[in-house]
Amino acid sequence: MACYAGDGTLMPLAQAVLAVLLALPAPYCPPRATCSTETQHRAHLEVVARAIAGAADRATCSGTWSQAADDVCQPLWPGSARELAAVLVAVGWW
């Protein structure tokens, strides 16, 4: 999952995940049901994006976990945090 900012640099993981989540179709809202507004939907997806990025960083000992001692952080995922985040988004969306 490579998402680039306007200046051509790689986006931070949470921002990249949010960009992907926002590109997915919104959940179905049946007629006469109380559904979230666009603002509420985006706020919810921001929380989900931060959670996915945090879990991916923790599982790969990257991001803020890269400075942790070896006895504190053992990688649980063999790939990169971006790869794991992509898998989590795909599985969650499916």
PDB file of N, CA and C in Angstrom:
ATOM      1  N   MET A   1       0.855  -1.156   0.000  1.00  0.00           N
ATOM      2  CA  MET A   1       0.000   0.000   0.000  1.00  0.00           C
ATOM      3  C   MET A   1       0.904   1.223   0.000  1.00  0.00           C
ATOM      4  N   ALA A   2       1.083   1.829  -1.129  1.00  0.00           N
ATOM      5  CA  ALA A   2       1.909   3.023  -1.220  1.00  0.00           C
ATOM      6  C   ALA A   2       1.014   4.201  -1.539  1.00  0.00           C
ATOM      7  N   CYS A   3       0.892   5.121  -0.601  1.00  0.00           N
ATOM      8  CA  CYS A   3       0.123   6.341  -0.809  1.00  0.00           C
ATOM      9  C   CYS A   3       1.078   7.503  -0.654  1.00  0.00           C
ATOM     10  N   TYR A   4       1.058   8.380  -1.634  1.00  0.00           N
ATOM     11  CA  TYR A   4       2.002   9.490  -1.650  1.00  0.00           C
ATOM     12  C   TYR A   4       1.292  10.800  -1.361  1.00  0.00           C
ATOM     13  N   ALA A   5       1.985  11.668  -0.630  1.00  0.00           N
ATOM     14  CA  ALA A   5       1.472  13.005  -0.345  1.00  0.00           C
ATOM     15  C   ALA A   5       1.652  13.870  -1.592  1.00  0.00           C
ATOM     16  N   GLY A   6       1.136  15.064  -1.566  1.00  0.00           N
ATOM     17  CA  GLY A   6       1.220  15.973  -2.700  1.00  0.00           C
ATOM     18  C   GLY A   6       2.640  16.284  -3.133  1.00  0.00           C
ATOM     19  N   ASP A   7       3.582  16.223  -2.212  1.00  0.00           N
ATOM     20  CA  ASP A   7       4.973  16.531  -2.553  1.00  0.00           C
ATOM     21  C   ASP A   7       5.760  15.296  -2.994  1.00  0.00           C
ATOM     22  N   GLY A   8       5.090  14.165  -3.165  1.00  0.00           N
ATOM     23  CA  GLY A   8       5.751  12.955  -3.642  1.00  0.00           C
ATOM     24  C   GLY A   8       6.359  12.088  -2.557  1.00  0.00           C
ATOM     25  N   THR A   9       6.254  12.504  -1.303  1.00  0.00           N
ATOM     26  CA  THR A   9       6.780  11.685  -0.212  1.00  0.00           C
ATOM     27  C   THR A   9       5.725  10.683   0.227  1.00  0.00           C
ATOM     28  N   LEU A  10       6.172   9.613   0.838  1.00  0.00           N
ATOM     29  CA  LEU A  10       5.272   8.578   1.327  1.00  0.00           C
ATOM     30  C   LEU A  10       4.476   9.110   2.515  1.00  0.00           C
ATOM     31  N   MET A  11       3.170   8.883   2.525  1.00  0.00           N
ATOM     32  CA  MET A  11       2.314   9.301   3.644  1.00  0.00           C
ATOM     33  C   MET A  11       2.637   8.465   4.878  1.00  0.00           C
ATOM     34  N   PRO A  12       2.449   9.032   6.071  1.00  0.00           N
ATOM     35  CA  PRO A  12       2.525   8.202   7.273  1.00  0.00           C
ATOM     36  C   PRO A  12       1.478   7.086   7.167  1.00  0.00           C
ATOM     37  N   LEU A  13       1.733   5.983   7.825  1.00  0.00           N
ATOM     38  CA  LEU A  13       0.890   4.797   7.684  1.00  0.00           C
ATOM     39  C   LEU A  13      -0.577   5.073   8.000  1.00  0.00           C
ATOM     40  N   ALA A  14      -0.871   5.752   9.093  1.00  0.00           N
ATOM     41  CA  ALA A  14      -2.267   6.004   9.462  1.00  0.00           C
ATOM     42  C   ALA A  14      -2.972   6.839   8.393  1.00  0.00           C
ATOM     43  N   GLN A  15      -2.297   7.808   7.803  1.00  0.00           N
ATOM     44  CA  GLN A  15      -2.896   8.622   6.744  1.00  0.00           C
ATOM     45  C   GLN A  15      -3.124   7.791   5.488  1.00  0.00           C
ATOM     46  N   ALA A  16      -2.201   6.909   5.176  1.00  0.00           N
ATOM     47  CA  ALA A  16      -2.348   6.050   3.997  1.00  0.00           C
ATOM     48  C   ALA A  16      -3.533   5.096   4.175  1.00  0.00           C
ATOM     49  N   VAL A  17      -3.658   4.526   5.374  1.00  0.00           N
ATOM     50  CA  VAL A  17      -4.778   3.625   5.651  1.00  0.00           C
ATOM     51  C   VAL A  17      -6.095   4.401   5.549  1.00  0.00           C
ATOM     52  N   LEU A  18      -6.129   5.610   6.097  1.00  0.00           N
ATOM     53  CA  LEU A  18      -7.340   6.419   6.021  1.00  0.00           C
ATOM     54  C   LEU A  18      -7.706   6.717   4.569  1.00  0.00           C
ATOM     55  N   ALA A  19      -6.724   7.027   3.738  1.00  0.00           N
ATOM     56  CA  ALA A  19      -6.991   7.302   2.325  1.00  0.00           C
ATOM     57  C   ALA A  19      -7.618   6.087   1.649  1.00  0.00           C
ATOM     58  N   VAL A  20      -7.117   4.913   1.955  1.00  0.00           N
ATOM     59  CA  VAL A  20      -7.674   3.688   1.372  1.00  0.00           C
ATOM     60  C   VAL A  20      -9.089   3.442   1.896  1.00  0.00           C
ATOM     61  N   LEU A  21      -9.295   3.593   3.201  1.00  0.00           N
ATOM     62  CA  LEU A  21     -10.624   3.376   3.777  1.00  0.00           C
ATOM     63  C   LEU A  21     -11.656   4.337   3.197  1.00  0.00           C
ATOM     64  N   LEU A  22     -11.261   5.581   3.001  1.00  0.00           N
ATOM     65  CA  LEU A  22     -12.182   6.567   2.438  1.00  0.00           C
ATOM     66  C   LEU A  22     -12.509   6.275   0.977  1.00  0.00           C
ATOM     67  N   ALA A  23     -11.631   5.559   0.288  1.00  0.00           N
ATOM     68  CA  ALA A  23     -11.869   5.220  -1.113  1.00  0.00           C
ATOM     69  C   ALA A  23     -12.826   4.038  -1.267  1.00  0.00           C
ATOM     70  N   LEU A  24     -13.029   3.276  -0.193  1.00  0.00           N
ATOM     71  CA  LEU A  24     -13.945   2.134  -0.247  1.00  0.00           C
ATOM     72  C   LEU A  24     -15.390   2.623  -0.218  1.00  0.00           C
ATOM     73  N   PRO A  25     -16.308   1.855  -0.786  1.00  0.00           N
ATOM     74  CA  PRO A  25     -17.722   2.251  -0.731  1.00  0.00           C
ATOM     75  C   PRO A  25     -18.209   2.342   0.718  1.00  0.00           C
ATOM     76  N   ALA A  26     -19.053   3.320   0.973  1.00  0.00           N
ATOM     77  CA  ALA A  26     -19.634   3.472   2.313  1.00  0.00           C
ATOM     78  C   ALA A  26     -20.579   2.303   2.579  1.00  0.00           C
ATOM     79  N   PRO A  27     -20.781   1.961   3.835  1.00  0.00           N
ATOM     80  CA  PRO A  27     -21.702   0.858   4.140  1.00  0.00           C
ATOM     81  C   PRO A  27     -23.123   1.206   3.696  1.00  0.00           C
ATOM     82  N   TYR A  28     -23.874   0.181   3.380  1.00  0.00           N
ATOM     83  CA  TYR A  28     -25.258   0.356   2.943  1.00  0.00           C
ATOM     84  C   TYR A  28     -26.114   0.869   4.097  1.00  0.00           C
ATOM     85  N   CYS A  29     -26.969   1.818   3.795  1.00  0.00           N
ATOM     86  CA  CYS A  29     -27.887   2.358   4.794  1.00  0.00           C
ATOM     87  C   CYS A  29     -29.303   2.197   4.257  1.00  0.00           C
ATOM     88  N   PRO A  30     -30.094   1.310   4.856  1.00  0.00           N
ATOM     89  CA  PRO A  30     -31.450   1.082   4.352  1.00  0.00           C
ATOM     90  C   PRO A  30     -32.320   2.334   4.507  1.00  0.00           C
ATOM     91  N   PRO A  31     -33.347   2.442   3.670  1.00  0.00           N
ATOM     92  CA  PRO A  31     -34.260   3.584   3.780  1.00  0.00           C
ATOM     93  C   PRO A  31     -34.869   3.683   5.174  1.00  0.00           C
ATOM     94  N   ARG A  32     -35.072   4.877   5.638  1.00  0.00           N
ATOM     95  CA  ARG A  32     -35.672   5.210   6.936  1.00  0.00           C
ATOM     96  C   ARG A  32     -34.824   4.766   8.133  1.00  0.00           C
ATOM     97  N   ALA A  33     -33.597   4.372   7.887  1.00  0.00           N
ATOM     98  CA  ALA A  33     -32.703   4.011   8.993  1.00  0.00           C
ATOM     99  C   ALA A  33     -31.895   5.248   9.396  1.00  0.00           C
ATOM    100  N   THR A  34     -31.452   5.273  10.616  1.00  0.00           N
ATOM    101  CA  THR A  34     -30.592   6.360  11.075  1.00  0.00           C
ATOM    102  C   THR A  34     -29.151   5.990  10.761  1.00  0.00           C
ATOM    103  N   CYS A  35     -28.569   6.713   9.830  1.00  0.00           N
ATOM    104  CA  CYS A  35     -27.201   6.418   9.403  1.00  0.00           C
ATOM    105  C   CYS A  35     -26.284   7.562   9.788  1.00  0.00           C
ATOM    106  N   SER A  36     -25.003   7.281   9.803  1.00  0.00           N
ATOM    107  CA  SER A  36     -24.040   8.319  10.167  1.00  0.00           C
ATOM    108  C   SER A  36     -23.897   9.324   9.034  1.00  0.00           C
ATOM    109  N   THR A  37     -23.570  10.539   9.427  1.00  0.00           N
ATOM    110  CA  THR A  37     -23.296  11.580   8.444  1.00  0.00           C
ATOM    111  C   THR A  37     -21.904  11.352   7.866  1.00  0.00           C
ATOM    112  N   GLU A  38     -21.553  12.081   6.828  1.00  0.00           N
ATOM    113  CA  GLU A  38     -20.208  11.948   6.253  1.00  0.00           C
ATOM    114  C   GLU A  38     -19.145  12.300   7.281  1.00  0.00           C
ATOM    115  N   THR A  39     -19.419  13.317   8.084  1.00  0.00           N
ATOM    116  CA  THR A  39     -18.456  13.730   9.121  1.00  0.00           C
ATOM    117  C   THR A  39     -18.279  12.622  10.156  1.00  0.00           C
ATOM    118  N   GLN A  40     -19.375  12.022  10.584  1.00  0.00           N
ATOM    119  CA  GLN A  40     -19.297  10.924  11.552  1.00  0.00           C
ATOM    120  C   GLN A  40     -18.593   9.716  10.952  1.00  0.00           C
ATOM    121  N   HIS A  41     -18.882   9.423   9.695  1.00  0.00           N
ATOM    122  CA  HIS A  41     -18.254   8.288   9.006  1.00  0.00           C
ATOM    123  C   HIS A  41     -16.746   8.491   8.920  1.00  0.00           C
ATOM    124  N   ARG A  42     -16.325   9.701   8.543  1.00  0.00           N
ATOM    125  CA  ARG A  42     -14.891   9.985   8.447  1.00  0.00           C
ATOM    126  C   ARG A  42     -14.226   9.887   9.826  1.00  0.00           C
ATOM    127  N   ALA A  43     -14.875  10.413  10.855  1.00  0.00           N
ATOM    128  CA  ALA A  43     -14.310  10.342  12.214  1.00  0.00           C
ATOM    129  C   ALA A  43     -14.137   8.889  12.642  1.00  0.00           C
ATOM    130  N   HIS A  44     -15.119   8.064  12.337  1.00  0.00           N
ATOM    131  CA  HIS A  44     -15.032   6.633  12.657  1.00  0.00           C
ATOM    132  C   HIS A  44     -13.859   5.997  11.909  1.00  0.00           C
ATOM    133  N   LEU A  45     -13.734   6.299  10.618  1.00  0.00           N
ATOM    134  CA  LEU A  45     -12.646   5.716   9.825  1.00  0.00           C
ATOM    135  C   LEU A  45     -11.274   6.212  10.286  1.00  0.00           C
ATOM    136  N   GLU A  46     -11.200   7.433  10.806  1.00  0.00           N
ATOM    137  CA  GLU A  46      -9.924   7.923  11.346  1.00  0.00           C
ATOM    138  C   GLU A  46      -9.489   7.090  12.541  1.00  0.00           C
ATOM    139  N   VAL A  47     -10.437   6.735  13.388  1.00  0.00           N
ATOM    140  CA  VAL A  47     -10.132   5.875  14.549  1.00  0.00           C
ATOM    141  C   VAL A  47      -9.686   4.496  14.069  1.00  0.00           C
ATOM    142  N   VAL A  48     -10.398   3.940  13.107  1.00  0.00           N
ATOM    143  CA  VAL A  48     -10.056   2.622  12.562  1.00  0.00           C
ATOM    144  C   VAL A  48      -8.668   2.665  11.919  1.00  0.00           C
ATOM    145  N   ALA A  49      -8.375   3.724  11.167  1.00  0.00           N
ATOM    146  CA  ALA A  49      -7.072   3.846  10.503  1.00  0.00           C
ATOM    147  C   ALA A  49      -5.934   3.906  11.522  1.00  0.00           C
ATOM    148  N   ARG A  50      -6.120   4.682  12.592  1.00  0.00           N
ATOM    149  CA  ARG A  50      -5.082   4.753  13.633  1.00  0.00           C
ATOM    150  C   ARG A  50      -4.905   3.409  14.321  1.00  0.00           C
ATOM    151  N   ALA A  51      -6.005   2.690  14.545  1.00  0.00           N
ATOM    152  CA  ALA A  51      -5.920   1.368  15.185  1.00  0.00           C
ATOM    153  C   ALA A  51      -5.191   0.375  14.287  1.00  0.00           C
ATOM    154  N   ILE A  52      -5.499   0.377  13.000  1.00  0.00           N
ATOM    155  CA  ILE A  52      -4.820  -0.525  12.058  1.00  0.00           C
ATOM    156  C   ILE A  52      -3.342  -0.188  11.980  1.00  0.00           C
ATOM    157  N   ALA A  53      -3.019   1.094  11.868  1.00  0.00           N
ATOM    158  CA  ALA A  53      -1.605   1.500  11.791  1.00  0.00           C
ATOM    159  C   ALA A  53      -0.861   1.121  13.071  1.00  0.00           C
ATOM    160  N   GLY A  54      -1.499   1.332  14.217  1.00  0.00           N
ATOM    161  CA  GLY A  54      -0.867   0.979  15.491  1.00  0.00           C
ATOM    162  C   GLY A  54      -0.637  -0.516  15.620  1.00  0.00           C
ATOM    163  N   ALA A  55      -1.630  -1.302  15.222  1.00  0.00           N
ATOM    164  CA  ALA A  55      -1.490  -2.758  15.289  1.00  0.00           C
ATOM    165  C   ALA A  55      -0.413  -3.252  14.328  1.00  0.00           C
ATOM    166  N   ALA A  56      -0.366  -2.663  13.137  1.00  0.00           N
ATOM    167  CA  ALA A  56       0.641  -3.072  12.158  1.00  0.00           C
ATOM    168  C   ALA A  56       2.046  -2.701  12.625  1.00  0.00           C
ATOM    169  N   ASP A  57       2.187  -1.499  13.207  1.00  0.00           N
ATOM    170  CA  ASP A  57       3.493  -1.097  13.748  1.00  0.00           C
ATOM    171  C   ASP A  57       3.921  -2.024  14.875  1.00  0.00           C
ATOM    172  N   ARG A  58       2.992  -2.353  15.757  1.00  0.00           N
ATOM    173  CA  ARG A  58       3.314  -3.228  16.895  1.00  0.00           C
ATOM    174  C   ARG A  58       3.690  -4.632  16.414  1.00  0.00           C
ATOM    175  N   ALA A  59       2.959  -5.156  15.455  1.00  0.00           N
ATOM    176  CA  ALA A  59       3.200  -6.519  14.983  1.00  0.00           C
ATOM    177  C   ALA A  59       4.482  -6.646  14.168  1.00  0.00           C
ATOM    178  N   THR A  60       5.011  -5.522  13.681  1.00  0.00           N
ATOM    179  CA  THR A  60       6.248  -5.558  12.889  1.00  0.00           C
ATOM    180  C   THR A  60       7.404  -4.857  13.593  1.00  0.00           C
ATOM    181  N   CYS A  61       7.159  -4.389  14.803  1.00  0.00           N
ATOM    182  CA  CYS A  61       8.176  -3.652  15.572  1.00  0.00           C
ATOM    183  C   CYS A  61       8.723  -2.466  14.766  1.00  0.00           C
ATOM    184  N   SER A  62       7.824  -1.736  14.132  1.00  0.00           N
ATOM    185  CA  SER A  62       8.232  -0.554  13.378  1.00  0.00           C
ATOM    186  C   SER A  62       7.517   0.669  13.942  1.00  0.00           C
ATOM    187  N   GLY A  63       7.732   1.822  13.345  1.00  0.00           N
ATOM    188  CA  GLY A  63       7.130   3.051  13.860  1.00  0.00           C
ATOM    189  C   GLY A  63       7.658   3.335  15.255  1.00  0.00           C
ATOM    190  N   THR A  64       6.766   3.642  16.179  1.00  0.00           N
ATOM    191  CA  THR A  64       7.197   3.943  17.552  1.00  0.00           C
ATOM    192  C   THR A  64       7.765   2.713  18.253  1.00  0.00           C
ATOM    193  N   TRP A  65       7.445   1.528  17.751  1.00  0.00           N
ATOM    194  CA  TRP A  65       7.957   0.286  18.342  1.00  0.00           C
ATOM    195  C   TRP A  65       9.362  -0.048  17.867  1.00  0.00           C
ATOM    196  N   SER A  66       9.888   0.665  16.886  1.00  0.00           N
ATOM    197  CA  SER A  66      11.218   0.342  16.361  1.00  0.00           C
ATOM    198  C   SER A  66      12.322   0.622  17.379  1.00  0.00           C
ATOM    199  N   GLN A  67      12.048   1.493  18.332  1.00  0.00           N
ATOM    200  CA  GLN A  67      13.044   1.827  19.355  1.00  0.00           C
ATOM    201  C   GLN A  67      12.972   0.911  20.576  1.00  0.00           C
ATOM    202  N   ALA A  68      11.983   0.026  20.617  1.00  0.00           N
ATOM    203  CA  ALA A  68      11.809  -0.863  21.772  1.00  0.00           C
ATOM    204  C   ALA A  68      12.932  -1.905  21.814  1.00  0.00           C
ATOM    205  N   ALA A  69      13.267  -2.302  22.998  1.00  0.00           N
ATOM    206  CA  ALA A  69      14.286  -3.339  23.170  1.00  0.00           C
ATOM    207  C   ALA A  69      13.764  -4.657  22.605  1.00  0.00           C
ATOM    208  N   ASP A  70      14.698  -5.530  22.230  1.00  0.00           N
ATOM    209  CA  ASP A  70      14.323  -6.812  21.634  1.00  0.00           C
ATOM    210  C   ASP A  70      13.438  -7.656  22.548  1.00  0.00           C
ATOM    211  N   ASP A  71      13.613  -7.528  23.856  1.00  0.00           N
ATOM    212  CA  ASP A  71      12.782  -8.320  24.761  1.00  0.00           C
ATOM    213  C   ASP A  71      11.383  -7.718  24.929  1.00  0.00           C
ATOM    214  N   VAL A  72      11.188  -6.487  24.449  1.00  0.00           N
ATOM    215  CA  VAL A  72       9.881  -5.830  24.538  1.00  0.00           C
ATOM    216  C   VAL A  72       9.064  -6.080  23.275  1.00  0.00           C
ATOM    217  N   CYS A  73       9.716  -6.051  22.124  1.00  0.00           N
ATOM    218  CA  CYS A  73       8.997  -6.185  20.865  1.00  0.00           C
ATOM    219  C   CYS A  73       9.605  -7.286  20.000  1.00  0.00           C
ATOM    220  N   GLN A  74       8.848  -8.337  19.811  1.00  0.00           N
ATOM    221  CA  GLN A  74       9.227  -9.434  18.908  1.00  0.00           C
ATOM    222  C   GLN A  74       8.276  -9.380  17.709  1.00  0.00           C
ATOM    223  N   PRO A  75       8.803  -9.263  16.489  1.00  0.00           N
ATOM    224  CA  PRO A  75       7.914  -9.184  15.323  1.00  0.00           C
ATOM    225  C   PRO A  75       6.995 -10.402  15.222  1.00  0.00           C
ATOM    226  N   LEU A  76       5.721 -10.133  14.946  1.00  0.00           N
ATOM    227  CA  LEU A  76       4.726 -11.180  14.784  1.00  0.00           C
ATOM    228  C   LEU A  76       4.367 -11.384  13.317  1.00  0.00           C
ATOM    229  N   TRP A  77       4.737 -10.436  12.477  1.00  0.00           N
ATOM    230  CA  TRP A  77       4.435 -10.466  11.047  1.00  0.00           C
ATOM    231  C   TRP A  77       5.754 -10.356  10.296  1.00  0.00           C
ATOM    232  N   PRO A  78       5.996 -11.231   9.321  1.00  0.00           N
ATOM    233  CA  PRO A  78       7.294 -11.234   8.645  1.00  0.00           C
ATOM    234  C   PRO A  78       7.484 -10.098   7.634  1.00  0.00           C
ATOM    235  N   GLY A  79       6.399  -9.488   7.176  1.00  0.00           N
ATOM    236  CA  GLY A  79       6.496  -8.430   6.173  1.00  0.00           C
ATOM    237  C   GLY A  79       6.573  -7.051   6.814  1.00  0.00           C
ATOM    238  N   SER A  80       6.285  -6.054   6.001  1.00  0.00           N
ATOM    239  CA  SER A  80       6.326  -4.671   6.485  1.00  0.00           C
ATOM    240  C   SER A  80       5.003  -4.287   7.139  1.00  0.00           C
ATOM    241  N   ALA A  81       5.033  -3.186   7.864  1.00  0.00           N
ATOM    242  CA  ALA A  81       3.813  -2.674   8.491  1.00  0.00           C
ATOM    243  C   ALA A  81       2.789  -2.282   7.431  1.00  0.00           C
ATOM    244  N   ARG A  82       3.244  -1.732   6.307  1.00  0.00           N
ATOM    245  CA  ARG A  82       2.323  -1.350   5.226  1.00  0.00           C
ATOM    246  C   ARG A  82       1.641  -2.574   4.626  1.00  0.00           C
ATOM    247  N   GLU A  83       2.389  -3.661   4.482  1.00  0.00           N
ATOM    248  CA  GLU A  83       1.780  -4.894   3.958  1.00  0.00           C
ATOM    249  C   GLU A  83       0.715  -5.425   4.919  1.00  0.00           C
ATOM    250  N   LEU A  84       1.036  -5.442   6.192  1.00  0.00           N
ATOM    251  CA  LEU A  84       0.072  -5.928   7.179  1.00  0.00           C
ATOM    252  C   LEU A  84      -1.157  -5.021   7.229  1.00  0.00           C
ATOM    253  N   ALA A  85      -0.952  -3.717   7.160  1.00  0.00           N
ATOM    254  CA  ALA A  85      -2.085  -2.794   7.167  1.00  0.00           C
ATOM    255  C   ALA A  85      -2.985  -3.062   5.963  1.00  0.00           C
ATOM    256  N   ALA A  86      -2.393  -3.318   4.799  1.00  0.00           N
ATOM    257  CA  ALA A  86      -3.179  -3.628   3.600  1.00  0.00           C
ATOM    258  C   ALA A  86      -3.985  -4.902   3.794  1.00  0.00           C
ATOM    259  N   VAL A  87      -3.373  -5.900   4.396  1.00  0.00           N
ATOM    260  CA  VAL A  87      -4.078  -7.165   4.662  1.00  0.00           C
ATOM    261  C   VAL A  87      -5.236  -6.923   5.646  1.00  0.00           C
ATOM    262  N   LEU A  88      -4.999  -6.168   6.686  1.00  0.00           N
ATOM    263  CA  LEU A  88      -6.053  -5.893   7.672  1.00  0.00           C
ATOM    264  C   LEU A  88      -7.221  -5.126   7.055  1.00  0.00           C
ATOM    265  N   VAL A  89      -6.916  -4.158   6.187  1.00  0.00           N
ATOM    266  CA  VAL A  89      -7.985  -3.411   5.512  1.00  0.00           C
ATOM    267  C   VAL A  89      -8.769  -4.355   4.607  1.00  0.00           C
ATOM    268  N   ALA A  90      -8.068  -5.177   3.843  1.00  0.00           N
ATOM    269  CA  ALA A  90      -8.737  -6.089   2.901  1.00  0.00           C
ATOM    270  C   ALA A  90      -9.608  -7.105   3.638  1.00  0.00           C
ATOM    271  N   VAL A  91      -9.087  -7.696   4.695  1.00  0.00           N
ATOM    272  CA  VAL A  91      -9.855  -8.698   5.449  1.00  0.00           C
ATOM    273  C   VAL A  91     -11.039  -8.029   6.141  1.00  0.00           C
ATOM    274  N   GLY A  92     -10.826  -6.855   6.714  1.00  0.00           N
ATOM    275  CA  GLY A  92     -11.910  -6.151   7.382  1.00  0.00           C
ATOM    276  C   GLY A  92     -12.994  -5.701   6.428  1.00  0.00           C
ATOM    277  N   TRP A  93     -12.620  -5.305   5.231  1.00  0.00           N
ATOM    278  CA  TRP A  93     -13.593  -4.844   4.255  1.00  0.00           C
ATOM    279  C   TRP A  93     -14.361  -6.010   3.673  1.00  0.00           C
ATOM    280  N   TRP A  94     -13.698  -7.122   3.487  1.00  0.00           N
ATOM    281  CA  TRP A  94     -14.313  -8.290   2.880  1.00  0.00           C
ATOM    282  C   TRP A  94     -15.415  -8.817   3.754  1.00  0.00           C
TER     283      TRP A  94
END
